[in-house]
Amino acid sequence: MLLSHGLGGGEAQFILNPTESSPAFLLADAGFDVFIINHRGTTYSRRHTQLCPWNNEFWQFTLDEFAKYDATACIGKALELSGQQYLYWIGHSQGTVVGFMTLAEYNERVNALFQLASAGSAGYGRGLTRWAFFAYNALKAVVGVCLDYIQFLFGPHAKSLDISRISVYLAHIPCGSSTWNFLHWGQMASRLKVEHMDHNPQENMRRYGQEYVMHRAYLSATAYNYSNIDTPVYLFWSKNDWLTSTGDIQNIILPTLREGVVKGGREVSDYNHLDFTVATDLGEKMINPIVEIVRSQERKMCTQCCKLLLHISR
């Protein structure tokens, strides 16, 4: 299992609760090897072979780098350490988008995507979150300045949230990202498209070559082609989630994926955006169903392999 965190989060969000209600521990107790990504810029991922965190160049990364470099490297390392050929991806919020982007362009060694608080372009959010992302056009001029922390409102929390642990959550979330990454999200929210970062015509040509489209009379970045994904997808969402919404699923995710790729999922009606990783009953509502799906899929694969070996032996 490879877990990918949300915007401004980090690996801590999967282990913030006691073992009986933390996603990573629940999966480990179910018998899985569990790996957690810390995308660049988070508290525990600021080491670089050449750059230091106080250099502006260090912070010049977006979702594109998460998918092209971070995710692919972590997938490869997890498979190397586990000795397996494939793994299962569990993403939360931004982690769901990184999962889609990775499979759309760079990696196919994932057996299934389990998308918690499934995100599209973030253009269908509610509350202050929506206006923060739509400030993209006003903020674009300040690229190069690092935003370590930014606070959003996620919606009303579930009754199963352990209020006594709020100080623990706030000690680890948010834990950093870059201005470029926030601008990338703002770009997608304002255009209602999941695209590569739109830099400028010259930089777009350097990065993307001939893969560009005309947008607003200049050369713009291309959209990620979700139709390339043939990995089973399972979506988890909530109407109480103010950052992502059913609008993301209905207008961004489902229309761009191949028909039949989404195999299932469920609405967790009382969860807000953060409850998907910290609610005390998430084992019952999400992790246990995920475990059952994975075990069922593994049984089918074993059956197919046994039939193939039997056929060959004949």
Protein backbone atom coordinates (compact mmCIF):
# COMPACT_ATOMS: atom_id res chain seq x y z
CA MET A 1 0.00 0.00 0.00
CA LEU A 2 1.30 3.45 -0.91
CA LEU A 3 -0.40 6.43 0.79
CA SER A 4 -0.25 9.95 -0.66
CA HIS A 5 -1.19 12.97 1.47
CA GLY A 6 -3.23 16.09 0.77
CA LEU A 7 -2.28 19.70 0.04
CA GLY A 8 -0.30 21.14 2.94
CA GLY A 9 -0.31 17.76 4.66
CA GLY A 10 2.34 15.08 5.02
CA GLU A 11 2.85 11.50 6.09
CA ALA A 12 1.77 12.42 9.63
CA GLN A 13 -1.89 12.73 8.62
CA PHE A 14 -2.05 8.93 8.21
CA ILE A 15 -0.65 8.21 11.70
CA LEU A 16 -2.01 11.07 13.84
CA ASN A 17 -4.52 8.96 15.77
CA PRO A 18 -3.99 5.93 18.02
CA THR A 19 -3.33 2.70 16.13
CA GLU A 20 -6.98 1.64 16.10
CA SER A 21 -8.01 4.72 14.08
CA SER A 22 -4.98 5.64 11.97
CA PRO A 23 -5.12 4.52 8.31
CA ALA A 24 -1.48 3.40 8.10
CA PHE A 25 -1.65 1.31 11.29
CA LEU A 26 -4.99 -0.24 10.34
CA LEU A 27 -3.59 -1.32 6.97
CA ALA A 28 -0.43 -2.69 8.59
CA ASP A 29 -2.54 -4.65 11.09
CA ALA A 30 -4.46 -6.08 8.13
CA GLY A 31 -1.20 -7.56 6.85
CA PHE A 32 -0.08 -5.04 4.24
CA ASP A 33 3.31 -3.46 3.70
CA VAL A 34 2.57 0.26 4.10
CA PHE A 35 4.58 3.09 2.55
CA ILE A 36 3.78 6.81 2.86
CA ILE A 37 4.91 9.57 0.50
CA ASN A 38 6.24 12.86 1.81
CA HIS A 39 6.05 15.08 -1.25
CA ARG A 40 8.78 17.70 -1.63
CA GLY A 41 8.33 20.84 0.45
CA THR A 42 6.72 19.16 3.45
CA THR A 43 8.40 19.28 6.85
CA TYR A 44 10.07 15.90 6.37
CA SER A 45 10.97 16.29 2.71
CA ARG A 46 13.25 19.28 2.37
CA ARG A 47 16.60 17.67 1.62
CA HIS A 48 18.05 18.18 -1.84
CA THR A 49 21.35 17.13 -3.41
CA GLN A 50 22.09 20.66 -4.63
CA LEU A 51 19.54 23.17 -3.29
CA CYS A 52 18.71 24.46 0.18
CA PRO A 53 15.23 25.41 1.44
CA TRP A 54 16.21 29.06 1.65
CA ASN A 55 16.84 29.16 -2.11
CA ASN A 56 13.86 30.24 -4.23
CA GLU A 57 14.72 27.60 -6.82
CA PHE A 58 14.13 24.88 -4.22
CA TRP A 59 10.45 25.86 -4.06
CA GLN A 60 9.83 25.92 -7.81
CA PHE A 61 7.69 22.79 -7.96
CA THR A 62 4.05 21.96 -8.62
CA LEU A 63 1.77 18.97 -8.98
CA ASP A 64 3.70 18.14 -12.15
CA GLU A 65 6.85 17.37 -10.14
CA PHE A 66 4.87 15.38 -7.57
CA ALA A 67 3.57 13.09 -10.31
CA LYS A 68 6.60 12.93 -12.60
CA TYR A 69 9.31 12.53 -9.96
CA ASP A 70 8.04 12.00 -6.39
CA ALA A 71 5.28 9.46 -7.05
CA THR A 72 7.17 7.42 -9.64
CA ALA A 73 10.28 7.25 -7.43
CA CYS A 74 8.24 6.20 -4.39
CA ILE A 75 6.37 3.54 -6.37
CA GLY A 76 9.64 2.12 -7.60
CA LYS A 77 11.21 2.14 -4.12
CA ALA A 78 8.17 0.57 -2.46
CA LEU A 79 8.14 -2.25 -5.00
CA GLU A 80 11.88 -2.75 -4.60
CA LEU A 81 11.63 -3.02 -0.81
CA SER A 82 8.52 -5.20 -0.82
CA GLY A 83 9.63 -7.45 -3.66
CA GLN A 84 6.26 -7.05 -5.35
CA GLN A 85 5.42 -6.25 -8.96
CA TYR A 86 2.43 -4.00 -8.22
CA LEU A 87 0.97 -1.97 -5.37
CA TYR A 88 -2.26 -0.22 -4.34
CA TRP A 89 -2.50 3.58 -4.12
CA ILE A 90 -4.53 5.34 -1.43
CA GLY A 91 -4.65 9.09 -1.99
CA HIS A 92 -6.24 11.84 0.06
CA SER A 93 -7.29 15.11 -1.63
CA GLN A 94 -4.19 16.29 -3.52
CA GLY A 95 -2.96 12.71 -3.29
CA THR A 96 -5.89 11.60 -5.43
CA VAL A 97 -4.95 14.06 -8.18
CA VAL A 98 -1.29 13.03 -8.02
CA GLY A 99 -2.44 9.42 -8.39
CA PHE A 100 -4.50 10.23 -11.47
CA MET A 101 -1.70 12.32 -13.00
CA THR A 102 0.89 9.62 -12.36
CA LEU A 103 -1.14 6.88 -14.00
CA ALA A 104 -2.19 9.15 -16.87
CA GLU A 105 1.39 9.76 -17.99
CA TYR A 106 4.13 7.96 -16.12
CA ASN A 107 3.40 4.69 -14.31
CA GLU A 108 1.29 1.57 -14.70
CA ARG A 109 2.43 -0.54 -11.74
CA VAL A 110 -0.63 0.23 -9.63
CA ASN A 111 -3.39 -2.36 -9.19
CA ALA A 112 -6.05 0.08 -7.99
CA LEU A 113 -6.58 3.69 -6.94
CA PHE A 114 -8.52 4.34 -3.74
CA GLN A 115 -9.32 8.05 -3.75
CA LEU A 116 -10.33 9.59 -0.41
CA ALA A 117 -11.96 13.03 -0.68
CA SER A 118 -11.62 12.64 -4.45
CA ALA A 119 -10.39 15.89 -5.99
CA GLY A 120 -10.90 17.19 -9.53
CA SER A 121 -9.75 20.72 -10.28
CA ALA A 122 -10.87 22.20 -6.90
CA GLY A 123 -13.06 24.60 -8.86
CA TYR A 124 -16.25 23.29 -7.28
CA GLY A 125 -15.27 23.87 -3.65
CA ARG A 126 -17.28 25.91 -1.17
CA GLY A 127 -16.59 28.49 1.52
CA LEU A 128 -13.30 30.34 1.89
CA THR A 129 -11.46 27.55 0.11
CA ARG A 130 -13.17 28.38 -3.16
CA TRP A 131 -12.18 32.04 -2.99
CA ALA A 132 -8.62 31.19 -1.97
CA PHE A 133 -8.10 29.12 -5.11
CA PHE A 134 -9.80 31.66 -7.33
CA ALA A 135 -7.31 34.28 -6.13
CA TYR A 136 -4.94 32.60 -8.61
CA ASN A 137 -5.18 35.37 -11.18
CA ALA A 138 -4.24 37.98 -8.59
CA LEU A 139 -1.42 35.91 -7.08
CA LYS A 140 0.28 34.72 -10.25
CA ALA A 141 2.66 37.69 -10.25
CA VAL A 142 4.30 36.58 -6.99
CA VAL A 143 5.69 33.25 -8.24
CA GLY A 144 9.01 32.52 -6.49
CA VAL A 145 7.83 33.47 -2.99
CA CYS A 146 7.39 30.44 -0.73
CA LEU A 147 4.12 29.88 1.12
CA ASP A 148 4.90 27.47 3.94
CA TYR A 149 1.51 27.58 5.58
CA ILE A 150 -2.03 28.48 4.59
CA GLN A 151 -5.23 27.74 6.43
CA PHE A 152 -8.45 26.66 4.75
CA LEU A 153 -11.89 25.83 6.11
CA PHE A 154 -12.81 22.23 5.33
CA GLY A 155 -16.44 22.00 6.36
CA PRO A 156 -18.24 20.78 9.53
CA HIS A 157 -16.40 17.91 11.20
CA ALA A 158 -17.83 14.46 11.85
CA LYS A 159 -19.17 13.49 15.25
CA SER A 160 -16.49 10.80 15.32
CA LEU A 161 -13.67 13.37 15.32
CA ASP A 162 -11.69 13.20 18.58
CA ILE A 163 -11.71 16.87 19.64
CA SER A 164 -9.14 16.19 22.37
CA ARG A 165 -6.53 15.56 19.66
CA ILE A 166 -6.95 18.91 17.88
CA SER A 167 -3.64 20.16 19.28
CA VAL A 168 -1.92 17.08 17.82
CA TYR A 169 -3.45 17.68 14.40
CA LEU A 170 -2.49 21.35 14.41
CA ALA A 171 1.08 20.45 15.34
CA HIS A 172 1.45 18.55 12.06
CA ILE A 173 -1.04 20.11 9.64
CA PRO A 174 -0.32 22.20 7.64
CA CYS A 175 3.32 21.21 7.10
CA GLY A 176 4.32 23.13 4.00
CA SER A 177 4.18 23.42 0.24
CA SER A 178 5.24 25.96 -2.38
CA THR A 179 3.66 29.06 -3.90
CA TRP A 180 4.00 27.41 -7.29
CA ASN A 181 1.94 24.45 -6.10
CA PHE A 182 -0.84 26.69 -4.77
CA LEU A 183 -0.79 28.62 -8.03
CA HIS A 184 -1.08 25.38 -9.97
CA TRP A 185 -4.19 24.51 -7.96
CA GLY A 186 -5.55 28.01 -8.53
CA GLN A 187 -4.98 27.66 -12.28
CA MET A 188 -6.92 24.39 -12.40
CA ALA A 189 -9.72 25.75 -10.21
CA SER A 190 -10.18 28.86 -12.35
CA ARG A 191 -10.15 26.90 -15.64
CA LEU A 192 -11.99 23.80 -14.34
CA LYS A 193 -9.35 21.59 -15.96
CA VAL A 194 -6.63 19.27 -14.67
CA GLU A 195 -3.66 20.69 -16.56
CA HIS A 196 0.10 20.93 -16.35
CA MET A 197 1.33 24.15 -14.78
CA ASP A 198 0.97 27.08 -17.19
CA HIS A 199 4.22 29.05 -16.88
CA ASN A 200 4.63 31.28 -19.94
CA PRO A 201 4.79 30.56 -23.71
CA GLN A 202 8.57 30.15 -23.77
CA GLU A 203 8.73 27.96 -20.68
CA ASN A 204 5.72 25.94 -21.83
CA MET A 205 7.47 25.25 -25.13
CA ARG A 206 10.65 24.19 -23.31
CA ARG A 207 8.81 21.90 -20.90
CA TYR A 208 6.09 20.46 -23.10
CA GLY A 209 7.51 20.78 -26.63
CA GLN A 210 4.82 20.42 -29.26
CA GLU A 211 2.27 19.22 -26.71
CA TYR A 212 0.46 22.48 -26.19
CA VAL A 213 -2.92 24.00 -27.00
CA MET A 214 -4.04 27.50 -27.84
CA HIS A 215 -5.61 29.12 -24.80
CA ARG A 216 -6.51 32.78 -24.55
CA ALA A 217 -4.41 33.60 -27.62
CA TYR A 218 -1.13 32.18 -26.29
CA LEU A 219 0.57 28.82 -25.96
CA SER A 220 -0.73 27.13 -22.83
CA ALA A 221 0.04 23.95 -20.92
CA THR A 222 -1.75 20.74 -21.86
CA ALA A 223 -4.36 18.87 -19.86
CA TYR A 224 -3.65 15.49 -18.30
CA ASN A 225 -5.31 12.74 -20.33
CA TYR A 226 -7.20 10.65 -17.77
CA SER A 227 -8.48 8.40 -20.55
CA ASN A 228 -5.04 6.74 -20.50
CA ILE A 229 -5.88 5.26 -17.09
CA ASP A 230 -7.12 1.66 -17.16
CA THR A 231 -6.49 0.93 -13.47
CA PRO A 232 -9.59 0.26 -11.31
CA VAL A 233 -10.67 3.39 -9.42
CA TYR A 234 -12.69 3.61 -6.20
CA LEU A 235 -14.00 7.00 -5.10
CA PHE A 236 -14.85 8.15 -1.56
CA TRP A 237 -16.56 11.50 -1.05
CA SER A 238 -18.83 13.52 1.25
CA LYS A 239 -21.34 16.32 0.82
CA ASN A 240 -19.88 17.85 3.99
CA ASP A 241 -16.50 18.24 2.31
CA TRP A 242 -16.08 21.92 1.39
CA LEU A 243 -12.74 21.57 -0.39
CA THR A 244 -13.66 18.82 -2.82
CA SER A 245 -17.22 18.08 -3.82
CA THR A 246 -19.54 15.96 -5.91
CA GLY A 247 -19.10 18.63 -8.58
CA ASP A 248 -15.47 17.53 -8.96
CA ILE A 249 -16.58 13.93 -9.45
CA GLN A 250 -19.49 14.65 -11.76
CA ASN A 251 -17.87 17.33 -13.92
CA ILE A 252 -14.14 16.57 -13.86
CA ILE A 253 -13.34 13.00 -12.86
CA LEU A 254 -16.10 10.85 -14.38
CA PRO A 255 -16.24 12.59 -17.80
CA THR A 256 -12.48 12.31 -18.31
CA LEU A 257 -11.99 8.69 -17.21
CA ARG A 258 -12.72 5.73 -19.45
CA GLU A 259 -16.14 4.17 -19.09
CA GLY A 260 -16.01 1.28 -16.65
CA VAL A 261 -12.75 2.31 -14.94
CA VAL A 262 -14.58 3.50 -11.80
CA LYS A 263 -15.47 0.25 -10.10
CA GLY A 264 -17.17 1.65 -7.03
CA GLY A 265 -16.85 3.75 -3.92
CA ARG A 266 -19.06 5.29 -1.32
CA GLU A 267 -20.31 8.51 0.18
CA VAL A 268 -19.24 9.07 3.78
CA SER A 269 -21.98 11.55 4.46
CA ASP A 270 -20.81 13.16 7.71
CA TYR A 271 -17.08 13.60 6.91
CA ASN A 272 -15.45 16.92 6.14
CA HIS A 273 -12.22 17.11 4.16
CA LEU A 274 -9.86 16.20 7.01
CA ASP A 275 -12.07 13.52 8.55
CA PHE A 276 -11.06 11.16 5.76
CA THR A 277 -7.70 10.68 7.54
CA VAL A 278 -8.44 11.47 11.20
CA ALA A 279 -12.02 10.42 12.03
CA THR A 280 -12.06 7.71 14.70
CA ASP A 281 -14.49 5.50 12.74
CA LEU A 282 -12.64 5.61 9.41
CA GLY A 283 -11.62 1.98 9.83
CA GLU A 284 -15.22 0.84 9.64
CA LYS A 285 -16.28 3.33 6.98
CA MET A 286 -13.30 3.22 4.60
CA ILE A 287 -10.29 1.08 5.50
CA ASN A 288 -12.17 -2.18 6.06
CA PRO A 289 -14.02 -1.87 2.71
CA ILE A 290 -10.70 -1.09 0.98
CA VAL A 291 -9.08 -4.14 2.56
CA GLU A 292 -11.94 -6.35 1.40
CA ILE A 293 -11.71 -5.00 -2.16
CA VAL A 294 -7.95 -5.61 -2.28
CA ARG A 295 -8.27 -9.13 -0.90
CA SER A 296 -11.03 -9.92 -3.37
CA GLN A 297 -8.93 -8.58 -6.25
CA GLU A 298 -5.88 -10.58 -5.09
CA ARG A 299 -7.97 -13.77 -4.88
CA LYS A 300 -9.16 -13.26 -8.44
CA MET A 301 -5.60 -12.70 -9.64
CA CYS A 302 -4.43 -15.87 -7.86
CA THR A 303 -7.27 -17.85 -9.40
CA GLN A 304 -6.38 -16.57 -12.87
CA CYS A 305 -2.71 -17.45 -12.36
CA CYS A 306 -3.62 -20.96 -11.16
CA LYS A 307 -5.83 -21.50 -14.21
CA LEU A 308 -3.06 -20.28 -16.50
CA LEU A 309 -0.49 -22.59 -14.88
CA LEU A 310 -2.92 -25.52 -15.11
CA HIS A 311 -3.53 -24.78 -18.78
CA ILE A 312 0.22 -24.60 -19.48
CA SER A 313 0.86 -27.88 -17.64
CA ARG A 314 -1.63 -29.63 -19.87
